[in-house]
Amino acid sequence: MEKLVHALPAVVMFILVAGMFTLVFTVSSRGRRKDRQTGQGYAQLARDAAQRGWTYEAHTRGRIDGYSGLRPFPASGLNLTACHYTTGLFRGRAFKHFEYRFMSPMSGTDANRQPQLRSVFIVEAPGPGAFMQILRPNMLDRLFDRRERTLLGEPAFDKSFRVITDDEAFTRNALRHGLMPYLLTEPLADKTSLQLHDGELFT
């Protein structure tokens, strides 16, 4: 566990930076021109995956069921669909990348609701660790998530993030080693949650 604590900031930086490559393939689907760009991006992802020895599936069902209860997935579910499901090794670490689509209760009326899309990047952690979620508070949190949050005694961090964990000592130790200031200053951390679960770190 000590190895994981010390390596966690570097792994977080890695997945946030590596996650940026998904932006190449996640473009708006409005208009024919952008639809064409989207299709070209996905085709390029499939080609890149083959060249790098990764696996790529345009659609798959059931492979992400184990993430139920974590963001952005539902509390429970079977045969959840993942799009553009890509797996392989990147800089020596096993990873998964896929898109997950869902309907948000905050997205409007039934007549005009649009599915929400989340690009998910998961990387193998350096070792086992306690369950930990570092979330950006939002309206859904205030309405539905009644879990107790862990306050770390750092006003700026406690105001900006909501930490859920089953091991407060582990979480405090992990965040103390450079991760807390990094998350406060990294722009990408403002747009996504960071979670550690069953030896995988994902955002």
Protein backbone atom coordinates (compact mmCIF):
# COMPACT_ATOMS: atom_id res chain seq x y z
CA MET A 1 0.00 0.00 0.00
CA GLU A 2 2.91 2.37 0.72
CA LYS A 3 4.09 1.89 -2.87
CA LEU A 4 0.66 2.90 -4.13
CA VAL A 5 0.53 6.00 -1.92
CA HIS A 6 3.84 7.33 -3.22
CA ALA A 7 3.10 6.47 -6.86
CA LEU A 8 -0.47 7.82 -6.87
CA PRO A 9 0.32 11.45 -7.86
CA ALA A 10 2.36 10.29 -10.86
CA VAL A 11 -0.38 7.87 -11.94
CA VAL A 12 -3.04 10.57 -11.58
CA MET A 13 -1.00 12.91 -13.75
CA PHE A 14 -0.54 10.10 -16.26
CA ILE A 15 -4.22 9.28 -16.63
CA LEU A 16 -5.27 12.92 -16.81
CA VAL A 17 -2.73 13.60 -19.54
CA ALA A 18 -3.31 10.30 -21.32
CA GLY A 19 -7.04 10.90 -21.06
CA MET A 20 -6.61 13.97 -23.22
CA PHE A 21 -6.06 11.74 -26.26
CA THR A 22 -9.70 10.75 -26.02
CA LEU A 23 -10.65 14.31 -26.89
CA VAL A 24 -9.42 13.63 -30.40
CA PHE A 25 -12.20 11.09 -30.79
CA THR A 26 -14.95 12.84 -28.83
CA VAL A 27 -16.36 15.65 -30.97
CA SER A 28 -19.83 17.07 -31.24
CA SER A 29 -22.27 15.10 -33.37
CA ARG A 30 -24.23 18.19 -34.49
CA GLY A 31 -24.31 18.71 -38.23
CA ARG A 32 -23.17 16.52 -41.06
CA ARG A 33 -19.64 17.85 -41.10
CA LYS A 34 -19.13 17.06 -37.42
CA ASP A 35 -20.78 13.65 -37.84
CA ARG A 36 -18.20 12.94 -40.53
CA GLN A 37 -15.39 14.13 -38.26
CA THR A 38 -16.67 11.89 -35.49
CA GLY A 39 -16.75 8.86 -37.76
CA GLN A 40 -13.23 9.61 -38.98
CA GLY A 41 -12.00 9.90 -35.41
CA TYR A 42 -13.45 6.55 -34.43
CA ALA A 43 -12.03 4.91 -37.56
CA GLN A 44 -8.62 6.34 -36.68
CA LEU A 45 -8.93 5.01 -33.12
CA ALA A 46 -9.62 1.51 -34.50
CA ARG A 47 -6.56 1.75 -36.78
CA ASP A 48 -4.34 3.07 -33.98
CA ALA A 49 -5.49 0.29 -31.67
CA ALA A 50 -4.57 -2.37 -34.23
CA GLN A 51 -1.15 -0.82 -34.83
CA ARG A 52 -0.38 -0.65 -31.11
CA GLY A 53 -1.58 -4.15 -30.31
CA TRP A 54 -4.64 -2.89 -28.45
CA THR A 55 -8.14 -4.36 -28.74
CA TYR A 56 -11.01 -2.25 -30.05
CA GLU A 57 -14.75 -2.96 -30.16
CA ALA A 58 -17.25 -0.44 -31.48
CA HIS A 59 -19.89 -1.71 -29.00
CA THR A 60 -19.81 -4.20 -26.16
CA ARG A 61 -22.26 -5.17 -23.44
CA GLY A 62 -21.68 -6.38 -19.89
CA ARG A 63 -17.98 -5.61 -19.63
CA ILE A 64 -18.48 -2.52 -17.49
CA ASP A 65 -21.15 -3.94 -15.16
CA GLY A 66 -18.55 -4.24 -12.38
CA TYR A 67 -18.31 -0.45 -12.21
CA SER A 68 -21.94 -0.03 -11.17
CA GLY A 69 -22.21 2.38 -8.27
CA LEU A 70 -19.27 4.48 -9.42
CA ARG A 71 -19.49 7.61 -11.51
CA PRO A 72 -20.90 7.96 -14.10
CA PHE A 73 -22.53 4.52 -13.94
CA PRO A 74 -25.89 3.65 -12.34
CA ALA A 75 -26.12 2.22 -8.83
CA SER A 76 -26.79 -1.20 -10.34
CA GLY A 77 -27.14 -2.60 -13.82
CA LEU A 78 -26.65 -5.57 -16.11
CA ASN A 79 -25.41 -5.63 -19.69
CA LEU A 80 -24.42 -1.97 -19.65
CA THR A 81 -23.26 -0.81 -23.07
CA ALA A 82 -19.81 0.63 -23.69
CA CYS A 83 -18.94 2.23 -27.02
CA HIS A 84 -15.49 2.29 -28.63
CA TYR A 85 -14.20 -0.06 -25.95
CA THR A 86 -10.39 -0.07 -26.19
CA THR A 87 -7.93 -2.00 -24.01
CA GLY A 88 -4.19 -2.52 -24.01
CA LEU A 89 -0.92 -1.35 -22.50
CA PHE A 90 0.16 2.28 -22.44
CA ARG A 91 3.60 3.08 -20.99
CA GLY A 92 3.63 -0.30 -19.33
CA ARG A 93 0.25 -0.03 -17.62
CA ALA A 94 -2.94 -1.85 -18.54
CA PHE A 95 -5.72 0.55 -19.49
CA LYS A 96 -9.31 0.65 -20.70
CA HIS A 97 -11.00 3.46 -22.55
CA PHE A 98 -14.63 3.68 -23.64
CA GLU A 99 -17.60 5.97 -23.99
CA TYR A 100 -20.66 5.57 -21.79
CA ARG A 101 -24.02 7.13 -22.69
CA PHE A 102 -26.82 7.69 -20.20
CA MET A 103 -29.89 9.81 -19.59
CA SER A 104 -29.50 12.39 -16.86
CA PRO A 105 -32.52 13.33 -14.71
CA MET A 106 -31.35 16.94 -15.03
CA SER A 107 -31.29 16.95 -18.86
CA GLY A 108 -34.80 18.28 -19.44
CA THR A 109 -38.24 16.95 -20.30
CA ASP A 110 -38.85 13.60 -21.97
CA ALA A 111 -39.56 15.29 -25.29
CA ASN A 112 -36.20 17.02 -25.60
CA ARG A 113 -33.89 14.98 -23.38
CA GLN A 114 -30.54 14.19 -24.93
CA PRO A 115 -28.23 11.39 -23.77
CA GLN A 116 -25.17 12.43 -21.83
CA LEU A 117 -21.81 11.08 -22.99
CA ARG A 118 -18.84 10.38 -20.74
CA SER A 119 -15.42 9.33 -21.94
CA VAL A 120 -13.95 6.98 -19.32
CA PHE A 121 -10.25 6.22 -18.93
CA ILE A 122 -9.10 3.49 -16.51
CA VAL A 123 -5.52 2.55 -15.69
CA GLU A 124 -4.09 -0.18 -13.49
CA ALA A 125 -2.87 1.23 -10.17
CA PRO A 126 0.66 0.44 -8.89
CA GLY A 127 -0.84 -1.72 -6.13
CA PRO A 128 -3.96 -2.36 -4.03
CA GLY A 129 -5.53 0.46 -2.10
CA ALA A 130 -8.67 1.53 -0.30
CA PHE A 131 -11.82 2.64 -2.12
CA MET A 132 -11.60 6.37 -2.76
CA GLN A 133 -13.67 8.86 -4.75
CA ILE A 134 -12.60 12.47 -5.29
CA LEU A 135 -15.65 14.21 -6.71
CA ARG A 136 -16.65 17.70 -7.71
CA PRO A 137 -19.79 18.59 -5.73
CA ASN A 138 -22.86 19.25 -7.86
CA MET A 139 -26.63 19.49 -7.62
CA LEU A 140 -27.11 15.73 -8.00
CA ASP A 141 -24.81 15.18 -5.03
CA ARG A 142 -26.84 17.47 -2.85
CA LEU A 143 -30.11 15.82 -3.88
CA PHE A 144 -29.29 12.11 -3.96
CA ASP A 145 -25.89 11.20 -2.51
CA ARG A 146 -26.24 10.86 1.25
CA ARG A 147 -22.87 9.21 1.87
CA GLU A 148 -20.67 10.80 4.49
CA ARG A 149 -17.87 12.90 3.04
CA THR A 150 -14.36 13.02 4.46
CA LEU A 151 -13.11 16.49 5.33
CA LEU A 152 -9.33 16.77 5.14
CA GLY A 153 -8.89 20.03 7.02
CA GLU A 154 -7.64 21.94 3.97
CA PRO A 155 -10.28 24.65 3.34
CA ALA A 156 -9.56 25.14 -0.37
CA PHE A 157 -9.61 21.41 -1.08
CA ASP A 158 -12.63 20.66 1.12
CA LYS A 159 -14.56 23.43 -0.63
CA SER A 160 -13.64 22.26 -4.14
CA PHE A 161 -13.87 18.48 -3.74
CA ARG A 162 -16.04 15.89 -2.05
CA VAL A 163 -14.05 12.88 -0.83
CA ILE A 164 -15.73 9.52 -0.19
CA THR A 165 -13.61 6.67 1.21
CA ASP A 166 -13.74 3.57 3.38
CA ASP A 167 -10.23 4.22 4.76
CA GLU A 168 -9.67 7.77 5.93
CA ALA A 169 -6.05 7.17 6.98
CA PHE A 170 -5.12 5.78 3.55
CA THR A 171 -6.85 8.66 1.77
CA ARG A 172 -5.17 11.32 3.90
CA ASN A 173 -1.80 9.71 3.31
CA ALA A 174 -2.37 9.41 -0.45
CA LEU A 175 -3.52 12.99 -0.87
CA ARG A 176 -0.71 14.35 1.28
CA HIS A 177 1.99 13.22 -1.16
CA GLY A 178 1.53 15.99 -3.71
CA LEU A 179 -1.87 14.89 -5.01
CA MET A 180 -3.93 17.51 -3.20
CA PRO A 181 -2.10 20.58 -4.57
CA TYR A 182 -1.93 18.96 -8.00
CA LEU A 183 -5.70 18.48 -8.16
CA LEU A 184 -6.28 22.06 -7.03
CA THR A 185 -4.18 23.47 -9.88
CA GLU A 186 -4.79 20.96 -12.72
CA PRO A 187 -7.50 22.32 -15.08
CA LEU A 188 -8.65 18.82 -16.14
CA ALA A 189 -9.39 17.95 -12.51
CA ASP A 190 -12.08 20.63 -12.59
CA LYS A 191 -14.10 18.63 -15.12
CA THR A 192 -13.97 15.05 -13.89
CA SER A 193 -14.00 12.80 -10.87
CA LEU A 194 -11.06 10.62 -9.82
CA GLN A 195 -11.74 7.20 -8.34
CA LEU A 196 -9.70 4.29 -6.97
CA HIS A 197 -11.52 0.94 -6.94
CA ASP A 198 -10.28 -2.66 -6.90
CA GLY A 199 -6.76 -1.74 -7.96
CA GLU A 200 -7.85 0.54 -10.81
CA LEU A 201 -7.65 4.30 -10.99
CA PHE A 202 -10.11 5.95 -13.32
CA THR A 203 -11.52 9.23 -14.47
